[in-house]
Amino acid sequence: MNAIPLERVNWCGDKAMYKTTIDDGYAVSVTSLRIEQDTVTLYESMQSHSEIIPDDNFDCGYDSISEYSSWWIFTYDGKTLKLIDQKTAG
């Protein structure tokens, strides 16, 4: 989550978001921060193989078993960030 520069988070009313999608030639990863009112969600995943790896050819060593998504949901009361849920799939 160090990949989220807080100074780059943009607001629209009571909502804010920052999201990066990176394809490093092996896999596509996503990291995001989303704020809606008093709820803060951090999200991280490795979603799929790189676009340079054909769907029917995994000779580049990609293993889909390493795909996952994790997210953490917090509430913020103006002073304290409190973890209320965490989930992982994959």
PDB file of N, CA and C in Angstrom:
ATOM      1  N   MET A   1       0.807  -1.197   0.000  1.00  0.00           N
ATOM      2  CA  MET A   1       0.000   0.000   0.000  1.00  0.00           C
ATOM      3  C   MET A   1       0.853   1.265   0.000  1.00  0.00           C
ATOM      4  N   ASN A   2       2.158   1.102   0.065  1.00  0.00           N
ATOM      5  CA  ASN A   2       3.041   2.265  -0.029  1.00  0.00           C
ATOM      6  C   ASN A   2       2.966   2.903  -1.412  1.00  0.00           C
ATOM      7  N   ALA A   3       2.299   2.230  -2.354  1.00  0.00           N
ATOM      8  CA  ALA A   3       2.203   2.736  -3.716  1.00  0.00           C
ATOM      9  C   ALA A   3       1.162   3.840  -3.872  1.00  0.00           C
ATOM     10  N   ILE A   4       0.440   4.163  -2.821  1.00  0.00           N
ATOM     11  CA  ILE A   4      -0.605   5.178  -2.922  1.00  0.00           C
ATOM     12  C   ILE A   4      -0.095   6.510  -2.370  1.00  0.00           C
ATOM     13  N   PRO A   5       0.201   7.458  -3.259  1.00  0.00           N
ATOM     14  CA  PRO A   5       0.625   8.788  -2.793  1.00  0.00           C
ATOM     15  C   PRO A   5      -0.600   9.589  -2.347  1.00  0.00           C
ATOM     16  N   LEU A   6      -0.735   9.794  -1.064  1.00  0.00           N
ATOM     17  CA  LEU A   6      -1.931  10.437  -0.526  1.00  0.00           C
ATOM     18  C   LEU A   6      -2.183  11.822  -1.102  1.00  0.00           C
ATOM     19  N   GLU A   7      -1.127  12.523  -1.488  1.00  0.00           N
ATOM     20  CA  GLU A   7      -1.306  13.853  -2.068  1.00  0.00           C
ATOM     21  C   GLU A   7      -1.961  13.789  -3.451  1.00  0.00           C
ATOM     22  N   ARG A   8      -2.042  12.605  -4.059  1.00  0.00           N
ATOM     23  CA  ARG A   8      -2.645  12.455  -5.385  1.00  0.00           C
ATOM     24  C   ARG A   8      -4.087  11.948  -5.325  1.00  0.00           C
ATOM     25  N   VAL A   9      -4.596  11.692  -4.120  1.00  0.00           N
ATOM     26  CA  VAL A   9      -5.984  11.253  -3.968  1.00  0.00           C
ATOM     27  C   VAL A   9      -6.896  12.427  -4.306  1.00  0.00           C
ATOM     28  N   ASN A  10      -7.849  12.201  -5.184  1.00  0.00           N
ATOM     29  CA  ASN A  10      -8.751  13.264  -5.615  1.00  0.00           C
ATOM     30  C   ASN A  10     -10.135  13.076  -5.022  1.00  0.00           C
ATOM     31  N   TRP A  11     -10.754  14.218  -4.675  1.00  0.00           N
ATOM     32  CA  TRP A  11     -12.060  14.229  -4.020  1.00  0.00           C
ATOM     33  C   TRP A  11     -13.130  14.744  -4.958  1.00  0.00           C
ATOM     34  N   CYS A  12     -14.339  14.195  -4.804  1.00  0.00           N
ATOM     35  CA  CYS A  12     -15.541  14.692  -5.466  1.00  0.00           C
ATOM     36  C   CYS A  12     -16.642  14.599  -4.426  1.00  0.00           C
ATOM     37  N   GLY A  13     -16.955  15.724  -3.790  1.00  0.00           N
ATOM     38  CA  GLY A  13     -17.909  15.714  -2.683  1.00  0.00           C
ATOM     39  C   GLY A  13     -17.342  14.943  -1.505  1.00  0.00           C
ATOM     40  N   ASP A  14     -18.093  13.933  -1.025  1.00  0.00           N
ATOM     41  CA  ASP A  14     -17.624  13.141   0.116  1.00  0.00           C
ATOM     42  C   ASP A  14     -16.976  11.822  -0.319  1.00  0.00           C
ATOM     43  N   LYS A  15     -16.558  11.760  -1.603  1.00  0.00           N
ATOM     44  CA  LYS A  15     -15.910  10.568  -2.135  1.00  0.00           C
ATOM     45  C   LYS A  15     -14.515  10.912  -2.635  1.00  0.00           C
ATOM     46  N   ALA A  16     -13.607   9.958  -2.450  1.00  0.00           N
ATOM     47  CA  ALA A  16     -12.241  10.137  -2.949  1.00  0.00           C
ATOM     48  C   ALA A  16     -11.747   8.809  -3.483  1.00  0.00           C
ATOM     49  N   MET A  17     -10.783   8.891  -4.425  1.00  0.00           N
ATOM     50  CA  MET A  17     -10.257   7.658  -4.992  1.00  0.00           C
ATOM     51  C   MET A  17      -8.871   7.872  -5.574  1.00  0.00           C
ATOM     52  N   TYR A  18      -8.066   6.826  -5.451  1.00  0.00           N
ATOM     53  CA  TYR A  18      -6.794   6.749  -6.166  1.00  0.00           C
ATOM     54  C   TYR A  18      -6.604   5.284  -6.531  1.00  0.00           C
ATOM     55  N   LYS A  19      -6.300   5.021  -7.798  1.00  0.00           N
ATOM     56  CA  LYS A  19      -6.185   3.638  -8.254  1.00  0.00           C
ATOM     57  C   LYS A  19      -5.059   3.528  -9.274  1.00  0.00           C
ATOM     58  N   THR A  20      -4.240   2.500  -9.112  1.00  0.00           N
ATOM     59  CA  THR A  20      -3.198   2.224 -10.095  1.00  0.00           C
ATOM     60  C   THR A  20      -3.382   0.816 -10.633  1.00  0.00           C
ATOM     61  N   THR A  21      -3.137   0.667 -11.916  1.00  0.00           N
ATOM     62  CA  THR A  21      -3.111  -0.641 -12.565  1.00  0.00           C
ATOM     63  C   THR A  21      -1.760  -0.752 -13.248  1.00  0.00           C
ATOM     64  N   ILE A  22      -1.018  -1.793 -12.917  1.00  0.00           N
ATOM     65  CA  ILE A  22       0.332  -1.949 -13.448  1.00  0.00           C
ATOM     66  C   ILE A  22       0.461  -3.307 -14.134  1.00  0.00           C
ATOM     67  N   ASP A  23       0.912  -3.284 -15.375  1.00  0.00           N
ATOM     68  CA  ASP A  23       1.242  -4.500 -16.112  1.00  0.00           C
ATOM     69  C   ASP A  23       2.748  -4.498 -16.266  1.00  0.00           C
ATOM     70  N   ASP A  24       3.417  -5.402 -15.537  1.00  0.00           N
ATOM     71  CA  ASP A  24       4.884  -5.423 -15.548  1.00  0.00           C
ATOM     72  C   ASP A  24       5.468  -6.442 -16.531  1.00  0.00           C
ATOM     73  N   GLY A  25       4.634  -6.933 -17.445  1.00  0.00           N
ATOM     74  CA  GLY A  25       5.097  -7.916 -18.413  1.00  0.00           C
ATOM     75  C   GLY A  25       4.913  -9.345 -17.931  1.00  0.00           C
ATOM     76  N   TYR A  26       4.571  -9.519 -16.677  1.00  0.00           N
ATOM     77  CA  TYR A  26       4.289 -10.837 -16.104  1.00  0.00           C
ATOM     78  C   TYR A  26       2.825 -10.908 -15.662  1.00  0.00           C
ATOM     79  N   ALA A  27       2.405  -9.948 -14.846  1.00  0.00           N
ATOM     80  CA  ALA A  27       1.046  -9.948 -14.307  1.00  0.00           C
ATOM     81  C   ALA A  27       0.509  -8.524 -14.237  1.00  0.00           C
ATOM     82  N   VAL A  28      -0.801  -8.431 -14.113  1.00  0.00           N
ATOM     83  CA  VAL A  28      -1.482  -7.146 -13.942  1.00  0.00           C
ATOM     84  C   VAL A  28      -1.885  -7.025 -12.479  1.00  0.00           C
ATOM     85  N   SER A  29      -1.394  -5.962 -11.829  1.00  0.00           N
ATOM     86  CA  SER A  29      -1.739  -5.737 -10.421  1.00  0.00           C
ATOM     87  C   SER A  29      -2.503  -4.422 -10.290  1.00  0.00           C
ATOM     88  N   VAL A  30      -3.391  -4.394  -9.300  1.00  0.00           N
ATOM     89  CA  VAL A  30      -4.207  -3.216  -9.034  1.00  0.00           C
ATOM     90  C   VAL A  30      -4.088  -2.874  -7.558  1.00  0.00           C
ATOM     91  N   THR A  31      -3.908  -1.590  -7.273  1.00  0.00           N
ATOM     92  CA  THR A  31      -3.897  -1.083  -5.908  1.00  0.00           C
ATOM     93  C   THR A  31      -4.822   0.129  -5.875  1.00  0.00           C
ATOM     94  N   SER A  32      -5.677   0.207  -4.854  1.00  0.00           N
ATOM     95  CA  SER A  32      -6.560   1.375  -4.805  1.00  0.00           C
ATOM     96  C   SER A  32      -6.914   1.759  -3.376  1.00  0.00           C
ATOM     97  N   LEU A  33      -7.273   3.019  -3.257  1.00  0.00           N
ATOM     98  CA  LEU A  33      -7.811   3.607  -2.034  1.00  0.00           C
ATOM     99  C   LEU A  33      -9.114   4.273  -2.426  1.00  0.00           C
ATOM    100  N   ARG A  34     -10.175   3.953  -1.709  1.00  0.00           N
ATOM    101  CA  ARG A  34     -11.475   4.573  -1.973  1.00  0.00           C
ATOM    102  C   ARG A  34     -12.062   5.035  -0.645  1.00  0.00           C
ATOM    103  N   ILE A  35     -12.565   6.262  -0.630  1.00  0.00           N
ATOM    104  CA  ILE A  35     -13.184   6.828   0.565  1.00  0.00           C
ATOM    105  C   ILE A  35     -14.590   7.267   0.192  1.00  0.00           C
ATOM    106  N   GLU A  36     -15.561   6.818   0.972  1.00  0.00           N
ATOM    107  CA  GLU A  36     -16.952   7.254   0.811  1.00  0.00           C
ATOM    108  C   GLU A  36     -17.497   7.559   2.193  1.00  0.00           C
ATOM    109  N   GLN A  37     -17.760   8.831   2.426  1.00  0.00           N
ATOM    110  CA  GLN A  37     -18.211   9.330   3.731  1.00  0.00           C
ATOM    111  C   GLN A  37     -17.215   8.896   4.810  1.00  0.00           C
ATOM    112  N   ASP A  38     -17.600   8.012   5.735  1.00  0.00           N
ATOM    113  CA  ASP A  38     -16.689   7.607   6.804  1.00  0.00           C
ATOM    114  C   ASP A  38     -16.071   6.220   6.575  1.00  0.00           C
ATOM    115  N   THR A  39     -16.212   5.677   5.356  1.00  0.00           N
ATOM    116  CA  THR A  39     -15.681   4.355   5.044  1.00  0.00           C
ATOM    117  C   THR A  39     -14.462   4.472   4.132  1.00  0.00           C
ATOM    118  N   VAL A  40     -13.381   3.811   4.515  1.00  0.00           N
ATOM    119  CA  VAL A  40     -12.133   3.805   3.754  1.00  0.00           C
ATOM    120  C   VAL A  40     -11.859   2.365   3.347  1.00  0.00           C
ATOM    121  N   THR A  41     -11.652   2.141   2.057  1.00  0.00           N
ATOM    122  CA  THR A  41     -11.364   0.800   1.563  1.00  0.00           C
ATOM    123  C   THR A  41     -10.017   0.796   0.853  1.00  0.00           C
ATOM    124  N   LEU A  42      -9.134  -0.101   1.271  1.00  0.00           N
ATOM    125  CA  LEU A  42      -7.862  -0.338   0.597  1.00  0.00           C
ATOM    126  C   LEU A  42      -7.991  -1.661  -0.146  1.00  0.00           C
ATOM    127  N   TYR A  43      -7.509  -1.692  -1.376  1.00  0.00           N
ATOM    128  CA  TYR A  43      -7.668  -2.871  -2.228  1.00  0.00           C
ATOM    129  C   TYR A  43      -6.348  -3.166  -2.916  1.00  0.00           C
ATOM    130  N   GLU A  44      -6.021  -4.459  -3.001  1.00  0.00           N
ATOM    131  CA  GLU A  44      -4.798  -4.881  -3.680  1.00  0.00           C
ATOM    132  C   GLU A  44      -5.080  -6.211  -4.363  1.00  0.00           C
ATOM    133  N   SER A  45      -4.616  -6.355  -5.595  1.00  0.00           N
ATOM    134  CA  SER A  45      -4.826  -7.629  -6.268  1.00  0.00           C
ATOM    135  C   SER A  45      -3.784  -7.870  -7.352  1.00  0.00           C
ATOM    136  N   MET A  46      -3.615  -9.121  -7.673  1.00  0.00           N
ATOM    137  CA  MET A  46      -2.921  -9.539  -8.887  1.00  0.00           C
ATOM    138  C   MET A  46      -4.002 -10.230  -9.693  1.00  0.00           C
ATOM    139  N   GLN A  47      -4.441  -9.592 -10.772  1.00  0.00           N
ATOM    140  CA  GLN A  47      -5.670 -10.005 -11.437  1.00  0.00           C
ATOM    141  C   GLN A  47      -5.506 -10.993 -12.576  1.00  0.00           C
ATOM    142  N   SER A  48      -4.452 -10.871 -13.342  1.00  0.00           N
ATOM    143  CA  SER A  48      -4.325 -11.738 -14.513  1.00  0.00           C
ATOM    144  C   SER A  48      -2.911 -11.675 -15.051  1.00  0.00           C
ATOM    145  N   HIS A  49      -2.688 -12.436 -16.100  1.00  0.00           N
ATOM    146  CA  HIS A  49      -1.385 -12.393 -16.757  1.00  0.00           C
ATOM    147  C   HIS A  49      -1.254 -11.126 -17.592  1.00  0.00           C
ATOM    148  N   SER A  50      -0.027 -10.785 -17.917  1.00  0.00           N
ATOM    149  CA  SER A  50       0.252  -9.602 -18.726  1.00  0.00           C
ATOM    150  C   SER A  50      -0.400  -9.708 -20.098  1.00  0.00           C
ATOM    151  N   GLU A  51      -0.682  -8.571 -20.687  1.00  0.00           N
ATOM    152  CA  GLU A  51      -1.261  -8.576 -22.031  1.00  0.00           C
ATOM    153  C   GLU A  51      -0.279  -9.092 -23.075  1.00  0.00           C
ATOM    154  N   ILE A  52       1.020  -9.165 -22.760  1.00  0.00           N
ATOM    155  CA  ILE A  52       1.975  -9.704 -23.733  1.00  0.00           C
ATOM    156  C   ILE A  52       2.020 -11.230 -23.733  1.00  0.00           C
ATOM    157  N   ILE A  53       1.363 -11.866 -22.751  1.00  0.00           N
ATOM    158  CA  ILE A  53       1.300 -13.323 -22.698  1.00  0.00           C
ATOM    159  C   ILE A  53      -0.024 -13.758 -23.319  1.00  0.00           C
ATOM    160  N   PRO A  54       0.020 -14.509 -24.420  1.00  0.00           N
ATOM    161  CA  PRO A  54      -1.239 -14.932 -25.051  1.00  0.00           C
ATOM    162  C   PRO A  54      -2.078 -15.780 -24.096  1.00  0.00           C
ATOM    163  N   ASP A  55      -3.400 -15.691 -24.245  1.00  0.00           N
ATOM    164  CA  ASP A  55      -4.312 -16.453 -23.385  1.00  0.00           C
ATOM    165  C   ASP A  55      -4.076 -17.954 -23.443  1.00  0.00           C
ATOM    166  N   ASP A  56      -3.650 -18.444 -24.582  1.00  0.00           N
ATOM    167  CA  ASP A  56      -3.487 -19.896 -24.743  1.00  0.00           C
ATOM    168  C   ASP A  56      -2.024 -20.348 -24.668  1.00  0.00           C
ATOM    169  N   ASN A  57      -1.126 -19.455 -24.203  1.00  0.00           N
ATOM    170  CA  ASN A  57       0.291 -19.815 -24.178  1.00  0.00           C
ATOM    171  C   ASN A  57       0.928 -19.248 -22.912  1.00  0.00           C
ATOM    172  N   PHE A  58       1.202 -20.119 -21.965  1.00  0.00           N
ATOM    173  CA  PHE A  58       1.796 -19.692 -20.706  1.00  0.00           C
ATOM    174  C   PHE A  58       3.253 -20.132 -20.594  1.00  0.00           C
ATOM    175  N   ASP A  59       3.949 -20.181 -21.751  1.00  0.00           N
ATOM    176  CA  ASP A  59       5.359 -20.575 -21.763  1.00  0.00           C
ATOM    177  C   ASP A  59       6.251 -19.584 -21.026  1.00  0.00           C
ATOM    178  N   CYS A  60       5.729 -18.417 -20.695  1.00  0.00           N
ATOM    179  CA  CYS A  60       6.524 -17.393 -20.013  1.00  0.00           C
ATOM    180  C   CYS A  60       6.587 -17.620 -18.508  1.00  0.00           C
ATOM    181  N   GLY A  61       6.024 -18.715 -18.031  1.00  0.00           N
ATOM    182  CA  GLY A  61       6.119 -19.047 -16.615  1.00  0.00           C
ATOM    183  C   GLY A  61       5.012 -18.509 -15.744  1.00  0.00           C
ATOM    184  N   TYR A  62       3.988 -17.887 -16.339  1.00  0.00           N
ATOM    185  CA  TYR A  62       2.898 -17.345 -15.529  1.00  0.00           C
ATOM    186  C   TYR A  62       2.069 -18.481 -14.942  1.00  0.00           C
ATOM    187  N   ASP A  63       1.720 -18.347 -13.679  1.00  0.00           N
ATOM    188  CA  ASP A  63       0.914 -19.352 -12.991  1.00  0.00           C
ATOM    189  C   ASP A  63      -0.294 -18.652 -12.373  1.00  0.00           C
ATOM    190  N   SER A  64      -1.475 -18.943 -12.887  1.00  0.00           N
ATOM    191  CA  SER A  64      -2.682 -18.248 -12.415  1.00  0.00           C
ATOM    192  C   SER A  64      -3.015 -18.579 -10.963  1.00  0.00           C
ATOM    193  N   ILE A  65      -2.367 -19.565 -10.387  1.00  0.00           N
ATOM    194  CA  ILE A  65      -2.643 -19.902  -8.985  1.00  0.00           C
ATOM    195  C   ILE A  65      -2.247 -18.761  -8.050  1.00  0.00           C
ATOM    196  N   SER A  66      -1.412 -17.854  -8.532  1.00  0.00           N
ATOM    197  CA  SER A  66      -0.982 -16.737  -7.688  1.00  0.00           C
ATOM    198  C   SER A  66      -1.909 -15.520  -7.806  1.00  0.00           C
ATOM    199  N   GLU A  67      -3.002 -15.623  -8.545  1.00  0.00           N
ATOM    200  CA  GLU A  67      -3.957 -14.518  -8.637  1.00  0.00           C
ATOM    201  C   GLU A  67      -4.734 -14.397  -7.329  1.00  0.00           C
ATOM    202  N   TYR A  68      -4.963 -13.157  -6.894  1.00  0.00           N
ATOM    203  CA  TYR A  68      -5.689 -12.934  -5.638  1.00  0.00           C
ATOM    204  C   TYR A  68      -6.228 -11.511  -5.597  1.00  0.00           C
ATOM    205  N   SER A  69      -7.145 -11.289  -4.686  1.00  0.00           N
ATOM    206  CA  SER A  69      -7.625  -9.956  -4.340  1.00  0.00           C
ATOM    207  C   SER A  69      -7.749  -9.885  -2.832  1.00  0.00           C
ATOM    208  N   SER A  70      -7.300  -8.789  -2.250  1.00  0.00           N
ATOM    209  CA  SER A  70      -7.438  -8.544  -0.814  1.00  0.00           C
ATOM    210  C   SER A  70      -7.955  -7.134  -0.616  1.00  0.00           C
ATOM    211  N   TRP A  71      -8.847  -6.967   0.352  1.00  0.00           N
ATOM    212  CA  TRP A  71      -9.318  -5.626   0.671  1.00  0.00           C
ATOM    213  C   TRP A  71      -9.564  -5.491   2.161  1.00  0.00           C
ATOM    214  N   TRP A  72      -9.359  -4.264   2.612  1.00  0.00           N
ATOM    215  CA  TRP A  72      -9.483  -3.919   4.022  1.00  0.00           C
ATOM    216  C   TRP A  72     -10.479  -2.766   4.096  1.00  0.00           C
ATOM    217  N   ILE A  73     -11.453  -2.882   4.980  1.00  0.00           N
ATOM    218  CA  ILE A  73     -12.466  -1.835   5.128  1.00  0.00           C
ATOM    219  C   ILE A  73     -12.335  -1.226   6.521  1.00  0.00           C
ATOM    220  N   PHE A  74     -12.223   0.088   6.549  1.00  0.00           N
ATOM    221  CA  PHE A  74     -12.047   0.852   7.783  1.00  0.00           C
ATOM    222  C   PHE A  74     -13.183   1.855   7.917  1.00  0.00           C
ATOM    223  N   THR A  75     -13.419   2.297   9.136  1.00  0.00           N
ATOM    224  CA  THR A  75     -14.238   3.478   9.368  1.00  0.00           C
ATOM    225  C   THR A  75     -13.317   4.560   9.928  1.00  0.00           C
ATOM    226  N   TYR A  76     -13.669   5.799   9.649  1.00  0.00           N
ATOM    227  CA  TYR A  76     -12.878   6.937  10.129  1.00  0.00           C
ATOM    228  C   TYR A  76     -13.828   7.942  10.762  1.00  0.00           C
ATOM    229  N   ASP A  77     -13.578   8.259  12.029  1.00  0.00           N
ATOM    230  CA  ASP A  77     -14.459   9.188  12.759  1.00  0.00           C
ATOM    231  C   ASP A  77     -13.889  10.605  12.844  1.00  0.00           C
ATOM    232  N   GLY A  78     -12.881  10.892  12.039  1.00  0.00           N
ATOM    233  CA  GLY A  78     -12.244  12.205  12.078  1.00  0.00           C
ATOM    234  C   GLY A  78     -10.965  12.204  12.894  1.00  0.00           C
ATOM    235  N   LYS A  79     -10.776  11.158  13.713  1.00  0.00           N
ATOM    236  CA  LYS A  79      -9.575  11.038  14.541  1.00  0.00           C
ATOM    237  C   LYS A  79      -8.928   9.669  14.422  1.00  0.00           C
ATOM    238  N   THR A  80      -9.767   8.629  14.346  1.00  0.00           N
ATOM    239  CA  THR A  80      -9.261   7.267  14.409  1.00  0.00           C
ATOM    240  C   THR A  80      -9.715   6.453  13.200  1.00  0.00           C
ATOM    241  N   LEU A  81      -8.774   5.734  12.611  1.00  0.00           N
ATOM    242  CA  LEU A  81      -9.064   4.800  11.543  1.00  0.00           C
ATOM    243  C   LEU A  81      -9.192   3.423  12.178  1.00  0.00           C
ATOM    244  N   LYS A  82     -10.370   2.782  12.032  1.00  0.00           N
ATOM    245  CA  LYS A  82     -10.638   1.513  12.696  1.00  0.00           C
ATOM    246  C   LYS A  82     -10.944   0.437  11.660  1.00  0.00           C
ATOM    247  N   LEU A  83     -10.170  -0.651  11.685  1.00  0.00           N
ATOM    248  CA  LEU A  83     -10.402  -1.777  10.784  1.00  0.00           C
ATOM    249  C   LEU A  83     -11.688  -2.487  11.198  1.00  0.00           C
ATOM    250  N   ILE A  84     -12.617  -2.627  10.236  1.00  0.00           N
ATOM    251  CA  ILE A  84     -13.867  -3.323  10.556  1.00  0.00           C
ATOM    252  C   ILE A  84     -14.019  -4.633   9.789  1.00  0.00           C
ATOM    253  N   ASP A  85     -13.272  -4.821   8.680  1.00  0.00           N
ATOM    254  CA  ASP A  85     -13.373  -6.064   7.926  1.00  0.00           C
ATOM    255  C   ASP A  85     -12.157  -6.207   7.022  1.00  0.00           C
ATOM    256  N   GLN A  86     -11.800  -7.456   6.751  1.00  0.00           N
ATOM    257  CA  GLN A  86     -10.712  -7.778   5.822  1.00  0.00           C
ATOM    258  C   GLN A  86     -11.110  -9.051   5.093  1.00  0.00           C
ATOM    259  N   LYS A  87     -10.925  -9.058   3.788  1.00  0.00           N
ATOM    260  CA  LYS A  87     -11.265 -10.231   2.996  1.00  0.00           C
ATOM    261  C   LYS A  87     -10.180 -10.497   1.970  1.00  0.00           C
ATOM    262  N   THR A  88     -10.021 -11.768   1.630  1.00  0.00           N
ATOM    263  CA  THR A  88      -9.083 -12.174   0.589  1.00  0.00           C
ATOM    264  C   THR A  88      -9.745 -13.271  -0.229  1.00  0.00           C
ATOM    265  N   ALA A  89      -9.582 -13.205  -1.523  1.00  0.00           N
ATOM    266  CA  ALA A  89     -10.082 -14.240  -2.413  1.00  0.00           C
ATOM    267  C   ALA A  89      -8.963 -14.620  -3.380  1.00  0.00           C
ATOM    268  N   GLY A  90      -8.928 -15.865  -3.733  1.00  0.00           N
ATOM    269  CA  GLY A  90      -7.937 -16.314  -4.712  1.00  0.00           C
ATOM    270  C   GLY A  90      -6.991 -17.311  -4.175  1.00  0.00           C
TER     271      GLY A  90
END
